Amino acid sequence: MLADDRARHAHGSLPLACALVHMSAPGEPAPARMALADSAVTERVERLLTGPRPGPRWVSATVYFVGIVLLSGPITILVAPVLCGIPWPG
């Protein structure tokens, strides 16, 4: 799928989908034909023409929340003593 995405960015979705359909056609000689099941080619072409499906909103919200929590911990540990007036050791 990554190869499809890179080719789509380089050449566009429609030419790539046409090439996939052409290469998987049963009339092509055996060496030039792709060794894929018809359903795999159909799924790839459908994905190319419709674009990637967005994930659920809660997944991205959870990722952002975890990132904020992971970043705020070390920052709080470094800043809290200064804000509370606790002198640095040493």
N, C-alpha and C. Protein backbone atom coordinates (compact mmCIF):
# COMPACT_ATOMS: atom_id res chain seq x y z
N MET A 1 0.80 -1.18 0.00
CA MET A 1 0.00 0.00 0.00
C MET A 1 0.86 1.26 0.00
N LEU A 2 2.02 1.20 0.64
CA LEU A 2 2.89 2.37 0.65
C LEU A 2 3.37 2.68 -0.76
N ALA A 3 3.65 1.65 -1.54
CA ALA A 3 4.06 1.87 -2.93
C ALA A 3 2.93 2.53 -3.72
N ASP A 4 1.69 2.13 -3.46
CA ASP A 4 0.55 2.77 -4.12
C ASP A 4 0.47 4.25 -3.75
N ASP A 5 0.68 4.55 -2.47
CA ASP A 5 0.60 5.94 -2.03
C ASP A 5 1.69 6.79 -2.67
N ARG A 6 2.89 6.24 -2.73
CA ARG A 6 3.99 7.00 -3.35
C ARG A 6 3.75 7.21 -4.85
N ALA A 7 3.26 6.19 -5.51
CA ALA A 7 2.97 6.32 -6.94
C ALA A 7 1.81 7.29 -7.16
N ARG A 8 0.84 7.30 -6.26
CA ARG A 8 -0.28 8.24 -6.39
C ARG A 8 0.21 9.68 -6.25
N HIS A 9 1.14 9.91 -5.33
CA HIS A 9 1.68 11.27 -5.17
C HIS A 9 2.50 11.69 -6.38
N ALA A 10 3.16 10.73 -7.02
CA ALA A 10 4.02 11.05 -8.17
C ALA A 10 3.22 11.20 -9.46
N HIS A 11 2.19 10.36 -9.66
CA HIS A 11 1.52 10.32 -10.96
C HIS A 11 0.02 10.58 -10.91
N GLY A 12 -0.58 10.55 -9.74
CA GLY A 12 -2.02 10.76 -9.64
C GLY A 12 -2.77 9.45 -9.44
N SER A 13 -3.97 9.53 -8.92
CA SER A 13 -4.75 8.34 -8.60
C SER A 13 -5.30 7.64 -9.84
N LEU A 14 -5.84 8.39 -10.76
CA LEU A 14 -6.49 7.78 -11.92
C LEU A 14 -5.52 7.02 -12.81
N PRO A 15 -4.35 7.58 -13.19
CA PRO A 15 -3.42 6.79 -14.00
C PRO A 15 -2.94 5.52 -13.30
N LEU A 16 -2.73 5.60 -11.99
CA LEU A 16 -2.29 4.41 -11.26
C LEU A 16 -3.38 3.36 -11.21
N ALA A 17 -4.62 3.76 -10.98
CA ALA A 17 -5.73 2.81 -10.97
C ALA A 17 -5.90 2.15 -12.33
N CYS A 18 -5.78 2.95 -13.41
CA CYS A 18 -5.88 2.38 -14.76
C CYS A 18 -4.76 1.37 -15.02
N ALA A 19 -3.56 1.68 -14.56
CA ALA A 19 -2.44 0.77 -14.75
C ALA A 19 -2.64 -0.53 -13.98
N LEU A 20 -3.16 -0.44 -12.75
CA LEU A 20 -3.43 -1.66 -11.99
C LEU A 20 -4.46 -2.54 -12.68
N VAL A 21 -5.52 -1.92 -13.18
CA VAL A 21 -6.56 -2.69 -13.88
C VAL A 21 -5.99 -3.31 -15.15
N HIS A 22 -5.19 -2.55 -15.88
CA HIS A 22 -4.60 -3.05 -17.12
C HIS A 22 -3.64 -4.21 -16.86
N MET A 23 -2.81 -4.08 -15.81
CA MET A 23 -1.83 -5.13 -15.53
C MET A 23 -2.47 -6.40 -14.97
N SER A 24 -3.66 -6.28 -14.40
CA SER A 24 -4.30 -7.47 -13.85
C SER A 24 -5.31 -8.08 -14.82
N ALA A 25 -5.42 -7.53 -16.02
CA ALA A 25 -6.39 -8.04 -16.99
C ALA A 25 -6.01 -9.45 -17.41
N PRO A 26 -7.00 -10.34 -17.57
CA PRO A 26 -6.70 -11.73 -17.94
C PRO A 26 -6.15 -11.87 -19.35
N GLY A 27 -6.32 -10.88 -20.22
CA GLY A 27 -5.83 -10.99 -21.58
C GLY A 27 -4.34 -10.73 -21.72
N GLU A 28 -3.71 -10.23 -20.67
CA GLU A 28 -2.29 -9.93 -20.72
C GLU A 28 -1.48 -11.23 -20.71
N PRO A 29 -0.31 -11.23 -21.34
CA PRO A 29 0.56 -12.40 -21.24
C PRO A 29 0.95 -12.66 -19.79
N ALA A 30 1.19 -13.91 -19.47
CA ALA A 30 1.45 -14.32 -18.09
C ALA A 30 2.61 -13.56 -17.43
N PRO A 31 3.74 -13.31 -18.08
CA PRO A 31 4.82 -12.60 -17.38
C PRO A 31 4.46 -11.15 -17.05
N ALA A 32 3.61 -10.51 -17.82
CA ALA A 32 3.27 -9.12 -17.59
C ALA A 32 2.11 -8.98 -16.61
N ARG A 33 1.36 -10.04 -16.38
CA ARG A 33 0.18 -9.97 -15.51
C ARG A 33 0.60 -10.00 -14.05
N MET A 34 -0.10 -9.26 -13.26
CA MET A 34 0.21 -9.24 -11.82
C MET A 34 -0.31 -10.52 -11.19
N ALA A 35 0.46 -11.04 -10.28
CA ALA A 35 0.07 -12.27 -9.60
C ALA A 35 -0.74 -11.93 -8.35
N LEU A 36 -1.87 -11.30 -8.57
CA LEU A 36 -2.73 -10.92 -7.47
C LEU A 36 -4.13 -11.46 -7.70
N ALA A 37 -4.83 -11.67 -6.62
CA ALA A 37 -6.24 -12.06 -6.74
C ALA A 37 -7.04 -10.86 -7.22
N ASP A 38 -8.14 -11.13 -7.90
CA ASP A 38 -8.97 -10.05 -8.42
C ASP A 38 -9.48 -9.14 -7.30
N SER A 39 -9.78 -9.72 -6.15
CA SER A 39 -10.30 -8.91 -5.05
C SER A 39 -9.23 -7.95 -4.53
N ALA A 40 -7.97 -8.36 -4.53
CA ALA A 40 -6.91 -7.48 -4.06
C ALA A 40 -6.76 -6.27 -4.98
N VAL A 41 -6.82 -6.51 -6.29
CA VAL A 41 -6.72 -5.40 -7.24
C VAL A 41 -7.93 -4.49 -7.08
N THR A 42 -9.10 -5.07 -6.91
CA THR A 42 -10.31 -4.27 -6.74
C THR A 42 -10.21 -3.40 -5.49
N GLU A 43 -9.73 -3.97 -4.40
CA GLU A 43 -9.59 -3.20 -3.16
C GLU A 43 -8.57 -2.08 -3.32
N ARG A 44 -7.48 -2.36 -4.00
CA ARG A 44 -6.45 -1.34 -4.20
C ARG A 44 -6.98 -0.20 -5.07
N VAL A 45 -7.68 -0.53 -6.14
CA VAL A 45 -8.23 0.50 -7.02
C VAL A 45 -9.28 1.32 -6.28
N GLU A 46 -10.13 0.66 -5.51
CA GLU A 46 -11.14 1.38 -4.74
C GLU A 46 -10.48 2.32 -3.74
N ARG A 47 -9.43 1.85 -3.08
CA ARG A 47 -8.72 2.69 -2.12
C ARG A 47 -8.07 3.89 -2.81
N LEU A 48 -7.52 3.67 -3.99
CA LEU A 48 -6.87 4.77 -4.72
C LEU A 48 -7.89 5.83 -5.16
N LEU A 49 -9.05 5.39 -5.58
CA LEU A 49 -10.03 6.33 -6.10
C LEU A 49 -10.84 7.03 -5.02
N THR A 50 -11.01 6.39 -3.86
CA THR A 50 -11.80 7.01 -2.80
C THR A 50 -10.93 7.69 -1.75
N GLY A 51 -9.67 7.36 -1.67
CA GLY A 51 -8.79 7.94 -0.66
C GLY A 51 -8.82 7.13 0.62
N PRO A 52 -7.90 7.39 1.52
CA PRO A 52 -7.88 6.64 2.77
C PRO A 52 -9.06 7.00 3.66
N ARG A 53 -9.54 6.02 4.39
CA ARG A 53 -10.65 6.24 5.30
C ARG A 53 -10.11 6.86 6.59
N PRO A 54 -10.74 7.92 7.07
CA PRO A 54 -10.28 8.51 8.32
C PRO A 54 -10.62 7.60 9.50
N GLY A 55 -9.77 7.60 10.49
CA GLY A 55 -10.01 6.80 11.68
C GLY A 55 -11.03 7.47 12.58
N PRO A 56 -11.46 6.78 13.61
CA PRO A 56 -12.41 7.38 14.55
C PRO A 56 -11.81 8.60 15.24
N ARG A 57 -12.64 9.57 15.57
CA ARG A 57 -12.16 10.80 16.20
C ARG A 57 -11.58 10.55 17.58
N TRP A 58 -12.10 9.54 18.29
CA TRP A 58 -11.60 9.30 19.64
C TRP A 58 -10.16 8.82 19.62
N VAL A 59 -9.73 8.17 18.53
CA VAL A 59 -8.35 7.70 18.46
C VAL A 59 -7.39 8.89 18.40
N SER A 60 -7.68 9.85 17.53
CA SER A 60 -6.79 11.01 17.45
C SER A 60 -6.85 11.84 18.73
N ALA A 61 -8.01 11.96 19.34
CA ALA A 61 -8.11 12.69 20.60
C ALA A 61 -7.30 12.01 21.70
N THR A 62 -7.34 10.69 21.73
CA THR A 62 -6.57 9.94 22.73
C THR A 62 -5.08 10.11 22.50
N VAL A 63 -4.65 10.07 21.25
CA VAL A 63 -3.23 10.25 20.94
C VAL A 63 -2.76 11.63 21.37
N TYR A 64 -3.52 12.66 21.09
CA TYR A 64 -3.15 14.01 21.51
C TYR A 64 -3.10 14.12 23.04
N PHE A 65 -4.09 13.54 23.72
CA PHE A 65 -4.14 13.59 25.17
C PHE A 65 -2.92 12.91 25.79
N VAL A 66 -2.58 11.72 25.30
CA VAL A 66 -1.41 11.00 25.82
C VAL A 66 -0.13 11.79 25.56
N GLY A 67 -0.01 12.39 24.39
CA GLY A 67 1.15 13.21 24.08
C GLY A 67 1.29 14.39 25.02
N ILE A 68 0.18 15.06 25.30
CA ILE A 68 0.20 16.20 26.22
C ILE A 68 0.59 15.76 27.63
N VAL A 69 0.04 14.64 28.07
CA VAL A 69 0.37 14.13 29.41
C VAL A 69 1.85 13.76 29.49
N LEU A 70 2.37 13.10 28.47
CA LEU A 70 3.77 12.70 28.49
C LEU A 70 4.71 13.90 28.45
N LEU A 71 4.33 14.95 27.75
CA LEU A 71 5.17 16.14 27.70
C LEU A 71 5.03 17.01 28.94
N SER A 72 3.85 17.04 29.54
CA SER A 72 3.65 17.92 30.69
C SER A 72 4.32 17.40 31.96
N GLY A 73 4.53 16.10 32.07
CA GLY A 73 5.17 15.54 33.27
C GLY A 73 6.57 16.09 33.49
N PRO A 74 7.48 15.91 32.54
CA PRO A 74 8.84 16.44 32.75
C PRO A 74 8.88 17.96 32.88
N ILE A 75 8.03 18.66 32.16
CA ILE A 75 8.01 20.13 32.26
C ILE A 75 7.57 20.54 33.65
N THR A 76 6.57 19.88 34.20
CA THR A 76 6.09 20.19 35.54
C THR A 76 7.18 19.92 36.58
N ILE A 77 7.89 18.84 36.44
CA ILE A 77 8.97 18.51 37.39
C ILE A 77 10.05 19.58 37.36
N LEU A 78 10.36 20.14 36.19
CA LEU A 78 11.40 21.16 36.09
C LEU A 78 10.92 22.53 36.54
N VAL A 79 9.67 22.87 36.30
CA VAL A 79 9.18 24.23 36.56
C VAL A 79 8.60 24.37 37.97
N ALA A 80 8.05 23.33 38.54
CA ALA A 80 7.38 23.42 39.85
C ALA A 80 8.29 23.96 40.95
N PRO A 81 9.51 23.50 41.09
CA PRO A 81 10.36 24.05 42.16
C PRO A 81 10.60 25.55 42.01
N VAL A 82 10.74 26.04 40.80
CA VAL A 82 10.96 27.47 40.57
C VAL A 82 9.71 28.26 40.95
N LEU A 83 8.55 27.78 40.58
CA LEU A 83 7.31 28.48 40.89
C LEU A 83 6.98 28.45 42.38
N CYS A 84 7.37 27.39 43.06
CA CYS A 84 7.09 27.28 44.49
C CYS A 84 8.15 27.94 45.35
N GLY A 85 9.23 28.41 44.77
CA GLY A 85 10.28 29.08 45.53
C GLY A 85 11.24 28.12 46.21
N ILE A 86 11.26 26.88 45.77
CA ILE A 86 12.19 25.92 46.35
C ILE A 86 13.55 26.11 45.69
N PRO A 87 14.60 26.31 46.48
CA PRO A 87 15.93 26.53 45.86
C PRO A 87 16.47 25.24 45.25
N TRP A 88 17.25 25.41 44.20
CA TRP A 88 17.88 24.27 43.55
C TRP A 88 19.01 23.75 44.45
N PRO A 89 19.16 22.44 44.51
CA PRO A 89 20.24 21.91 45.36
C PRO A 89 21.61 22.25 44.74
N GLY A 90 22.54 22.45 45.57
CA GLY A 90 23.90 22.66 45.07
C GLY A 90 24.43 23.91 45.46
